[in-house]
Amino acid sequence: MTDRPRIHFVTGRLAEHALRQVLDRLGPRAGFEHTVQVLNITVAALMTTPWIARRLEVPAGTTRVLIPGACRGSLDVFR
């Protein structure tokens, strides 16, 4: 484990490839490590926060979790 932030990204199947490409280039330059969880949905924007919360698997050592910005619902379900 390093001192760099470890960010866990949540996405759908359609965006997986593009997200991984961006993160593989950006992470080392921006100084963070990352993991990606692909949920069983094609379009990430159709996710709701309760739906994500039921399926979310946060790896040990994660310092932050990022979900798709277009998701509907309260973030309180993650507390």
PDB file of N, CA and C in Angstrom:
ATOM      1  N   MET A   1       0.855  -1.181   0.000  1.00  0.00           N
ATOM      2  CA  MET A   1       0.000   0.000   0.000  1.00  0.00           C
ATOM      3  C   MET A   1       0.893   1.234   0.000  1.00  0.00           C
ATOM      4  N   THR A   2       0.507   2.216  -0.757  1.00  0.00           N
ATOM      5  CA  THR A   2       1.254   3.470  -0.817  1.00  0.00           C
ATOM      6  C   THR A   2       0.482   4.556  -0.095  1.00  0.00           C
ATOM      7  N   ASP A   3       1.083   5.738  -0.063  1.00  0.00           N
ATOM      8  CA  ASP A   3       0.405   6.885   0.538  1.00  0.00           C
ATOM      9  C   ASP A   3      -0.550   7.553  -0.444  1.00  0.00           C
ATOM     10  N   ARG A   4      -0.570   7.082  -1.666  1.00  0.00           N
ATOM     11  CA  ARG A   4      -1.444   7.687  -2.676  1.00  0.00           C
ATOM     12  C   ARG A   4      -2.891   7.305  -2.412  1.00  0.00           C
ATOM     13  N   PRO A   5      -3.820   8.217  -2.724  1.00  0.00           N
ATOM     14  CA  PRO A   5      -5.239   7.869  -2.574  1.00  0.00           C
ATOM     15  C   PRO A   5      -5.577   6.656  -3.435  1.00  0.00           C
ATOM     16  N   ARG A   6      -6.509   5.847  -2.950  1.00  0.00           N
ATOM     17  CA  ARG A   6      -6.982   4.677  -3.706  1.00  0.00           C
ATOM     18  C   ARG A   6      -8.476   4.887  -3.941  1.00  0.00           C
ATOM     19  N   ILE A   7      -8.831   5.154  -5.183  1.00  0.00           N
ATOM     20  CA  ILE A   7     -10.201   5.514  -5.548  1.00  0.00           C
ATOM     21  C   ILE A   7     -10.874   4.329  -6.238  1.00  0.00           C
ATOM     22  N   HIS A   8     -12.079   4.015  -5.769  1.00  0.00           N
ATOM     23  CA  HIS A   8     -12.875   2.917  -6.337  1.00  0.00           C
ATOM     24  C   HIS A   8     -13.970   3.532  -7.207  1.00  0.00           C
ATOM     25  N   PHE A   9     -13.929   3.254  -8.498  1.00  0.00           N
ATOM     26  CA  PHE A   9     -14.891   3.788  -9.454  1.00  0.00           C
ATOM     27  C   PHE A   9     -15.966   2.743  -9.732  1.00  0.00           C
ATOM     28  N   VAL A  10     -17.212   3.187  -9.765  1.00  0.00           N
ATOM     29  CA  VAL A  10     -18.346   2.312 -10.058  1.00  0.00           C
ATOM     30  C   VAL A  10     -18.918   2.732 -11.409  1.00  0.00           C
ATOM     31  N   THR A  11     -19.154   1.760 -12.285  1.00  0.00           N
ATOM     32  CA  THR A  11     -19.675   2.082 -13.607  1.00  0.00           C
ATOM     33  C   THR A  11     -20.532   0.934 -14.132  1.00  0.00           C
ATOM     34  N   GLY A  12     -21.097   1.139 -15.311  1.00  0.00           N
ATOM     35  CA  GLY A  12     -21.852   0.106 -16.007  1.00  0.00           C
ATOM     36  C   GLY A  12     -21.001  -0.507 -17.110  1.00  0.00           C
ATOM     37  N   ARG A  13     -21.550  -1.506 -17.775  1.00  0.00           N
ATOM     38  CA  ARG A  13     -20.786  -2.231 -18.795  1.00  0.00           C
ATOM     39  C   ARG A  13     -20.386  -1.359 -19.984  1.00  0.00           C
ATOM     40  N   LEU A  14     -21.259  -0.469 -20.399  1.00  0.00           N
ATOM     41  CA  LEU A  14     -20.992   0.332 -21.592  1.00  0.00           C
ATOM     42  C   LEU A  14     -19.772   1.239 -21.421  1.00  0.00           C
ATOM     43  N   ALA A  15     -19.586   1.804 -20.250  1.00  0.00           N
ATOM     44  CA  ALA A  15     -18.492   2.757 -20.013  1.00  0.00           C
ATOM     45  C   ALA A  15     -17.208   2.102 -19.512  1.00  0.00           C
ATOM     46  N   GLU A  16     -17.243   0.815 -19.239  1.00  0.00           N
ATOM     47  CA  GLU A  16     -16.087   0.163 -18.610  1.00  0.00           C
ATOM     48  C   GLU A  16     -14.785   0.363 -19.379  1.00  0.00           C
ATOM     49  N   HIS A  17     -14.771   0.051 -20.633  1.00  0.00           N
ATOM     50  CA  HIS A  17     -13.531   0.114 -21.419  1.00  0.00           C
ATOM     51  C   HIS A  17     -12.960   1.530 -21.438  1.00  0.00           C
ATOM     52  N   ALA A  18     -13.799   2.503 -21.738  1.00  0.00           N
ATOM     53  CA  ALA A  18     -13.336   3.894 -21.802  1.00  0.00           C
ATOM     54  C   ALA A  18     -12.838   4.375 -20.443  1.00  0.00           C
ATOM     55  N   LEU A  19     -13.559   4.028 -19.378  1.00  0.00           N
ATOM     56  CA  LEU A  19     -13.147   4.438 -18.037  1.00  0.00           C
ATOM     57  C   LEU A  19     -11.789   3.841 -17.684  1.00  0.00           C
ATOM     58  N   ARG A  20     -11.606   2.571 -17.955  1.00  0.00           N
ATOM     59  CA  ARG A  20     -10.317   1.928 -17.635  1.00  0.00           C
ATOM     60  C   ARG A  20      -9.171   2.567 -18.423  1.00  0.00           C
ATOM     61  N   GLN A  21      -9.403   2.895 -19.682  1.00  0.00           N
ATOM     62  CA  GLN A  21      -8.365   3.546 -20.487  1.00  0.00           C
ATOM     63  C   GLN A  21      -7.971   4.892 -19.888  1.00  0.00           C
ATOM     64  N   VAL A  22      -8.959   5.686 -19.523  1.00  0.00           N
ATOM     65  CA  VAL A  22      -8.691   7.002 -18.940  1.00  0.00           C
ATOM     66  C   VAL A  22      -7.948   6.856 -17.615  1.00  0.00           C
ATOM     67  N   LEU A  23      -8.420   5.964 -16.760  1.00  0.00           N
ATOM     68  CA  LEU A  23      -7.806   5.803 -15.441  1.00  0.00           C
ATOM     69  C   LEU A  23      -6.382   5.260 -15.532  1.00  0.00           C
ATOM     70  N   ASP A  24      -6.126   4.366 -16.471  1.00  0.00           N
ATOM     71  CA  ASP A  24      -4.774   3.820 -16.625  1.00  0.00           C
ATOM     72  C   ASP A  24      -3.777   4.908 -17.005  1.00  0.00           C
ATOM     73  N   ARG A  25      -4.219   5.905 -17.749  1.00  0.00           N
ATOM     74  CA  ARG A  25      -3.347   7.020 -18.122  1.00  0.00           C
ATOM     75  C   ARG A  25      -3.308   8.093 -17.040  1.00  0.00           C
ATOM     76  N   LEU A  26      -4.470   8.410 -16.473  1.00  0.00           N
ATOM     77  CA  LEU A  26      -4.578   9.524 -15.534  1.00  0.00           C
ATOM     78  C   LEU A  26      -4.041   9.199 -14.143  1.00  0.00           C
ATOM     79  N   GLY A  27      -4.318   8.015 -13.649  1.00  0.00           N
ATOM     80  CA  GLY A  27      -3.934   7.652 -12.283  1.00  0.00           C
ATOM     81  C   GLY A  27      -2.476   7.916 -11.950  1.00  0.00           C
ATOM     82  N   PRO A  28      -1.538   7.393 -12.738  1.00  0.00           N
ATOM     83  CA  PRO A  28      -0.125   7.623 -12.424  1.00  0.00           C
ATOM     84  C   PRO A  28       0.268   9.104 -12.479  1.00  0.00           C
ATOM     85  N   ARG A  29      -0.294   9.838 -13.413  1.00  0.00           N
ATOM     86  CA  ARG A  29       0.031  11.269 -13.535  1.00  0.00           C
ATOM     87  C   ARG A  29      -0.572  12.096 -12.418  1.00  0.00           C
ATOM     88  N   ALA A  30      -1.785  11.740 -12.016  1.00  0.00           N
ATOM     89  CA  ALA A  30      -2.493  12.513 -10.987  1.00  0.00           C
ATOM     90  C   ALA A  30      -2.174  12.018  -9.576  1.00  0.00           C
ATOM     91  N   GLY A  31      -1.475  10.913  -9.473  1.00  0.00           N
ATOM     92  CA  GLY A  31      -1.038  10.440  -8.168  1.00  0.00           C
ATOM     93  C   GLY A  31      -2.063   9.650  -7.377  1.00  0.00           C
ATOM     94  N   PHE A  32      -2.897   8.866  -8.056  1.00  0.00           N
ATOM     95  CA  PHE A  32      -3.830   8.003  -7.331  1.00  0.00           C
ATOM     96  C   PHE A  32      -3.824   6.598  -7.913  1.00  0.00           C
ATOM     97  N   GLU A  33      -4.176   5.639  -7.074  1.00  0.00           N
ATOM     98  CA  GLU A  33      -4.403   4.265  -7.504  1.00  0.00           C
ATOM     99  C   GLU A  33      -5.905   4.099  -7.683  1.00  0.00           C
ATOM    100  N   HIS A  34      -6.306   3.118  -8.476  1.00  0.00           N
ATOM    101  CA  HIS A  34      -7.743   2.957  -8.705  1.00  0.00           C
ATOM    102  C   HIS A  34      -8.137   1.493  -8.833  1.00  0.00           C
ATOM    103  N   THR A  35      -9.405   1.271  -8.547  1.00  0.00           N
ATOM    104  CA  THR A  35     -10.069   0.011  -8.833  1.00  0.00           C
ATOM    105  C   THR A  35     -11.367   0.373  -9.536  1.00  0.00           C
ATOM    106  N   VAL A  36     -11.891  -0.563 -10.309  1.00  0.00           N
ATOM    107  CA  VAL A  36     -13.138  -0.334 -11.041  1.00  0.00           C
ATOM    108  C   VAL A  36     -14.081  -1.489 -10.753  1.00  0.00           C
ATOM    109  N   GLN A  37     -15.304  -1.154 -10.377  1.00  0.00           N
ATOM    110  CA  GLN A  37     -16.348  -2.168 -10.207  1.00  0.00           C
ATOM    111  C   GLN A  37     -17.387  -1.945 -11.296  1.00  0.00           C
ATOM    112  N   VAL A  38     -17.595  -2.958 -12.114  1.00  0.00           N
ATOM    113  CA  VAL A  38     -18.578  -2.887 -13.189  1.00  0.00           C
ATOM    114  C   VAL A  38     -19.830  -3.604 -12.710  1.00  0.00           C
ATOM    115  N   LEU A  39     -20.901  -2.846 -12.579  1.00  0.00           N
ATOM    116  CA  LEU A  39     -22.160  -3.432 -12.127  1.00  0.00           C
ATOM    117  C   LEU A  39     -22.927  -3.996 -13.316  1.00  0.00           C
ATOM    118  N   ASN A  40     -23.846  -4.889 -13.045  1.00  0.00           N
ATOM    119  CA  ASN A  40     -24.578  -5.603 -14.084  1.00  0.00           C
ATOM    120  C   ASN A  40     -25.711  -4.744 -14.653  1.00  0.00           C
ATOM    121  N   ILE A  41     -25.297  -3.692 -15.334  1.00  0.00           N
ATOM    122  CA  ILE A  41     -26.230  -2.795 -16.008  1.00  0.00           C
ATOM    123  C   ILE A  41     -25.471  -2.195 -17.181  1.00  0.00           C
ATOM    124  N   THR A  42     -26.149  -1.961 -18.284  1.00  0.00           N
ATOM    125  CA  THR A  42     -25.459  -1.428 -19.453  1.00  0.00           C
ATOM    126  C   THR A  42     -25.141   0.046 -19.282  1.00  0.00           C
ATOM    127  N   VAL A  43     -26.134   0.848 -18.954  1.00  0.00           N
ATOM    128  CA  VAL A  43     -25.975   2.303 -18.873  1.00  0.00           C
ATOM    129  C   VAL A  43     -25.913   2.736 -17.413  1.00  0.00           C
ATOM    130  N   ALA A  44     -24.781   3.276 -17.010  1.00  0.00           N
ATOM    131  CA  ALA A  44     -24.569   3.659 -15.611  1.00  0.00           C
ATOM    132  C   ALA A  44     -25.557   4.719 -15.135  1.00  0.00           C
ATOM    133  N   ALA A  45     -26.002   5.578 -16.021  1.00  0.00           N
ATOM    134  CA  ALA A  45     -26.926   6.646 -15.629  1.00  0.00           C
ATOM    135  C   ALA A  45     -28.280   6.108 -15.173  1.00  0.00           C
ATOM    136  N   LEU A  46     -28.579   4.854 -15.449  1.00  0.00           N
ATOM    137  CA  LEU A  46     -29.849   4.265 -15.021  1.00  0.00           C
ATOM    138  C   LEU A  46     -29.783   3.697 -13.603  1.00  0.00           C
ATOM    139  N   MET A  47     -28.600   3.734 -13.001  1.00  0.00           N
ATOM    140  CA  MET A  47     -28.451   3.245 -11.628  1.00  0.00           C
ATOM    141  C   MET A  47     -29.103   4.221 -10.648  1.00  0.00           C
ATOM    142  N   THR A  48     -29.579   3.690  -9.538  1.00  0.00           N
ATOM    143  CA  THR A  48     -30.020   4.534  -8.427  1.00  0.00           C
ATOM    144  C   THR A  48     -29.085   4.254  -7.257  1.00  0.00           C
ATOM    145  N   THR A  49     -29.020   5.180  -6.323  1.00  0.00           N
ATOM    146  CA  THR A  49     -28.109   4.968  -5.196  1.00  0.00           C
ATOM    147  C   THR A  49     -28.493   3.750  -4.351  1.00  0.00           C
ATOM    148  N   PRO A  50     -29.781   3.468  -4.104  1.00  0.00           N
ATOM    149  CA  PRO A  50     -30.090   2.245  -3.352  1.00  0.00           C
ATOM    150  C   PRO A  50     -29.658   0.978  -4.106  1.00  0.00           C
ATOM    151  N   TRP A  51     -29.821   0.977  -5.418  1.00  0.00           N
ATOM    152  CA  TRP A  51     -29.426  -0.168  -6.240  1.00  0.00           C
ATOM    153  C   TRP A  51     -27.916  -0.381  -6.160  1.00  0.00           C
ATOM    154  N   ILE A  52     -27.156   0.711  -6.260  1.00  0.00           N
ATOM    155  CA  ILE A  52     -25.695   0.627  -6.152  1.00  0.00           C
ATOM    156  C   ILE A  52     -25.296   0.124  -4.768  1.00  0.00           C
ATOM    157  N   ALA A  53     -25.909   0.681  -3.728  1.00  0.00           N
ATOM    158  CA  ALA A  53     -25.542   0.331  -2.347  1.00  0.00           C
ATOM    159  C   ALA A  53     -25.703  -1.163  -2.081  1.00  0.00           C
ATOM    160  N   ARG A  54     -26.712  -1.781  -2.676  1.00  0.00           N
ATOM    161  CA  ARG A  54     -26.931  -3.215  -2.475  1.00  0.00           C
ATOM    162  C   ARG A  54     -25.857  -4.068  -3.151  1.00  0.00           C
ATOM    163  N   ARG A  55     -25.182  -3.523  -4.144  1.00  0.00           N
ATOM    164  CA  ARG A  55     -24.216  -4.286  -4.929  1.00  0.00           C
ATOM    165  C   ARG A  55     -22.762  -3.843  -4.724  1.00  0.00           C
ATOM    166  N   LEU A  56     -22.571  -2.748  -4.047  1.00  0.00           N
ATOM    167  CA  LEU A  56     -21.242  -2.163  -3.899  1.00  0.00           C
ATOM    168  C   LEU A  56     -20.309  -3.064  -3.095  1.00  0.00           C
ATOM    169  N   GLU A  57     -19.121  -3.290  -3.641  1.00  0.00           N
ATOM    170  CA  GLU A  57     -18.078  -4.066  -2.970  1.00  0.00           C
ATOM    171  C   GLU A  57     -16.816  -3.211  -2.955  1.00  0.00           C
ATOM    172  N   VAL A  58     -16.565  -2.569  -1.825  1.00  0.00           N
ATOM    173  CA  VAL A  58     -15.433  -1.649  -1.712  1.00  0.00           C
ATOM    174  C   VAL A  58     -14.192  -2.422  -1.263  1.00  0.00           C
ATOM    175  N   PRO A  59     -13.140  -2.395  -2.076  1.00  0.00           N
ATOM    176  CA  PRO A  59     -11.910  -3.101  -1.705  1.00  0.00           C
ATOM    177  C   PRO A  59     -11.258  -2.489  -0.460  1.00  0.00           C
ATOM    178  N   ALA A  60     -10.574  -3.317   0.290  1.00  0.00           N
ATOM    179  CA  ALA A  60      -9.831  -2.832   1.457  1.00  0.00           C
ATOM    180  C   ALA A  60      -8.821  -1.780   1.013  1.00  0.00           C
ATOM    181  N   GLY A  61      -8.643  -0.766   1.822  1.00  0.00           N
ATOM    182  CA  GLY A  61      -7.680   0.285   1.521  1.00  0.00           C
ATOM    183  C   GLY A  61      -8.221   1.415   0.673  1.00  0.00           C
ATOM    184  N   THR A  62      -9.477   1.321   0.261  1.00  0.00           N
ATOM    185  CA  THR A  62     -10.085   2.373  -0.553  1.00  0.00           C
ATOM    186  C   THR A  62     -10.258   3.638   0.278  1.00  0.00           C
ATOM    187  N   THR A  63      -9.881   4.773  -0.300  1.00  0.00           N
ATOM    188  CA  THR A  63     -10.028   6.049   0.401  1.00  0.00           C
ATOM    189  C   THR A  63     -11.216   6.859  -0.095  1.00  0.00           C
ATOM    190  N   ARG A  64     -11.728   6.509  -1.265  1.00  0.00           N
ATOM    191  CA  ARG A  64     -12.858   7.248  -1.838  1.00  0.00           C
ATOM    192  C   ARG A  64     -13.574   6.357  -2.840  1.00  0.00           C
ATOM    193  N   VAL A  65     -14.892   6.507  -2.927  1.00  0.00           N
ATOM    194  CA  VAL A  65     -15.695   5.783  -3.912  1.00  0.00           C
ATOM    195  C   VAL A  65     -16.376   6.816  -4.795  1.00  0.00           C
ATOM    196  N   LEU A  66     -16.288   6.634  -6.104  1.00  0.00           N
ATOM    197  CA  LEU A  66     -16.952   7.531  -7.046  1.00  0.00           C
ATOM    198  C   LEU A  66     -18.005   6.754  -7.822  1.00  0.00           C
ATOM    199  N   ILE A  67     -19.231   7.285  -7.798  1.00  0.00           N
ATOM    200  CA  ILE A  67     -20.327   6.688  -8.554  1.00  0.00           C
ATOM    201  C   ILE A  67     -20.662   7.612  -9.715  1.00  0.00           C
ATOM    202  N   PRO A  68     -21.349   7.115 -10.733  1.00  0.00           N
ATOM    203  CA  PRO A  68     -21.708   7.958 -11.869  1.00  0.00           C
ATOM    204  C   PRO A  68     -22.529   9.173 -11.435  1.00  0.00           C
ATOM    205  N   GLY A  69     -22.215  10.315 -11.999  1.00  0.00           N
ATOM    206  CA  GLY A  69     -22.851  11.570 -11.611  1.00  0.00           C
ATOM    207  C   GLY A  69     -24.326  11.665 -11.935  1.00  0.00           C
ATOM    208  N   ALA A  70     -24.804  10.901 -12.892  1.00  0.00           N
ATOM    209  CA  ALA A  70     -26.209  10.993 -13.282  1.00  0.00           C
ATOM    210  C   ALA A  70     -27.117  10.077 -12.468  1.00  0.00           C
ATOM    211  N   CYS A  71     -26.564   9.374 -11.495  1.00  0.00           N
ATOM    212  CA  CYS A  71     -27.381   8.472 -10.673  1.00  0.00           C
ATOM    213  C   CYS A  71     -28.376   9.260  -9.840  1.00  0.00           C
ATOM    214  N   ARG A  72     -29.548   8.682  -9.667  1.00  0.00           N
ATOM    215  CA  ARG A  72     -30.577   9.325  -8.849  1.00  0.00           C
ATOM    216  C   ARG A  72     -30.607   8.710  -7.466  1.00  0.00           C
ATOM    217  N   GLY A  73     -30.899   9.558  -6.487  1.00  0.00           N
ATOM    218  CA  GLY A  73     -31.062   9.072  -5.126  1.00  0.00           C
ATOM    219  C   GLY A  73     -30.146   9.784  -4.151  1.00  0.00           C
ATOM    220  N   SER A  74     -30.378   9.506  -2.902  1.00  0.00           N
ATOM    221  CA  SER A  74     -29.634  10.133  -1.814  1.00  0.00           C
ATOM    222  C   SER A  74     -28.345   9.373  -1.521  1.00  0.00           C
ATOM    223  N   LEU A  75     -27.306  10.114  -1.206  1.00  0.00           N
ATOM    224  CA  LEU A  75     -26.044   9.487  -0.816  1.00  0.00           C
ATOM    225  C   LEU A  75     -26.100   8.938   0.602  1.00  0.00           C
ATOM    226  N   ASP A  76     -27.151   9.256   1.337  1.00  0.00           N
ATOM    227  CA  ASP A  76     -27.299   8.763   2.709  1.00  0.00           C
ATOM    228  C   ASP A  76     -27.316   7.236   2.778  1.00  0.00           C
ATOM    229  N   VAL A  77     -27.694   6.563   1.706  1.00  0.00           N
ATOM    230  CA  VAL A  77     -27.742   5.094   1.727  1.00  0.00           C
ATOM    231  C   VAL A  77     -26.353   4.475   1.856  1.00  0.00           C
ATOM    232  N   PHE A  78     -25.318   5.265   1.633  1.00  0.00           N
ATOM    233  CA  PHE A  78     -23.948   4.760   1.727  1.00  0.00           C
ATOM    234  C   PHE A  78     -23.333   4.962   3.106  1.00  0.00           C
ATOM    235  N   ARG A  79     -24.044   5.615   4.007  1.00  0.00           N
ATOM    236  CA  ARG A  79     -23.494   5.890   5.348  1.00  0.00           C
ATOM    237  C   ARG A  79     -23.693   4.722   6.260  1.00  0.00           C
TER     238      ARG A  79
END
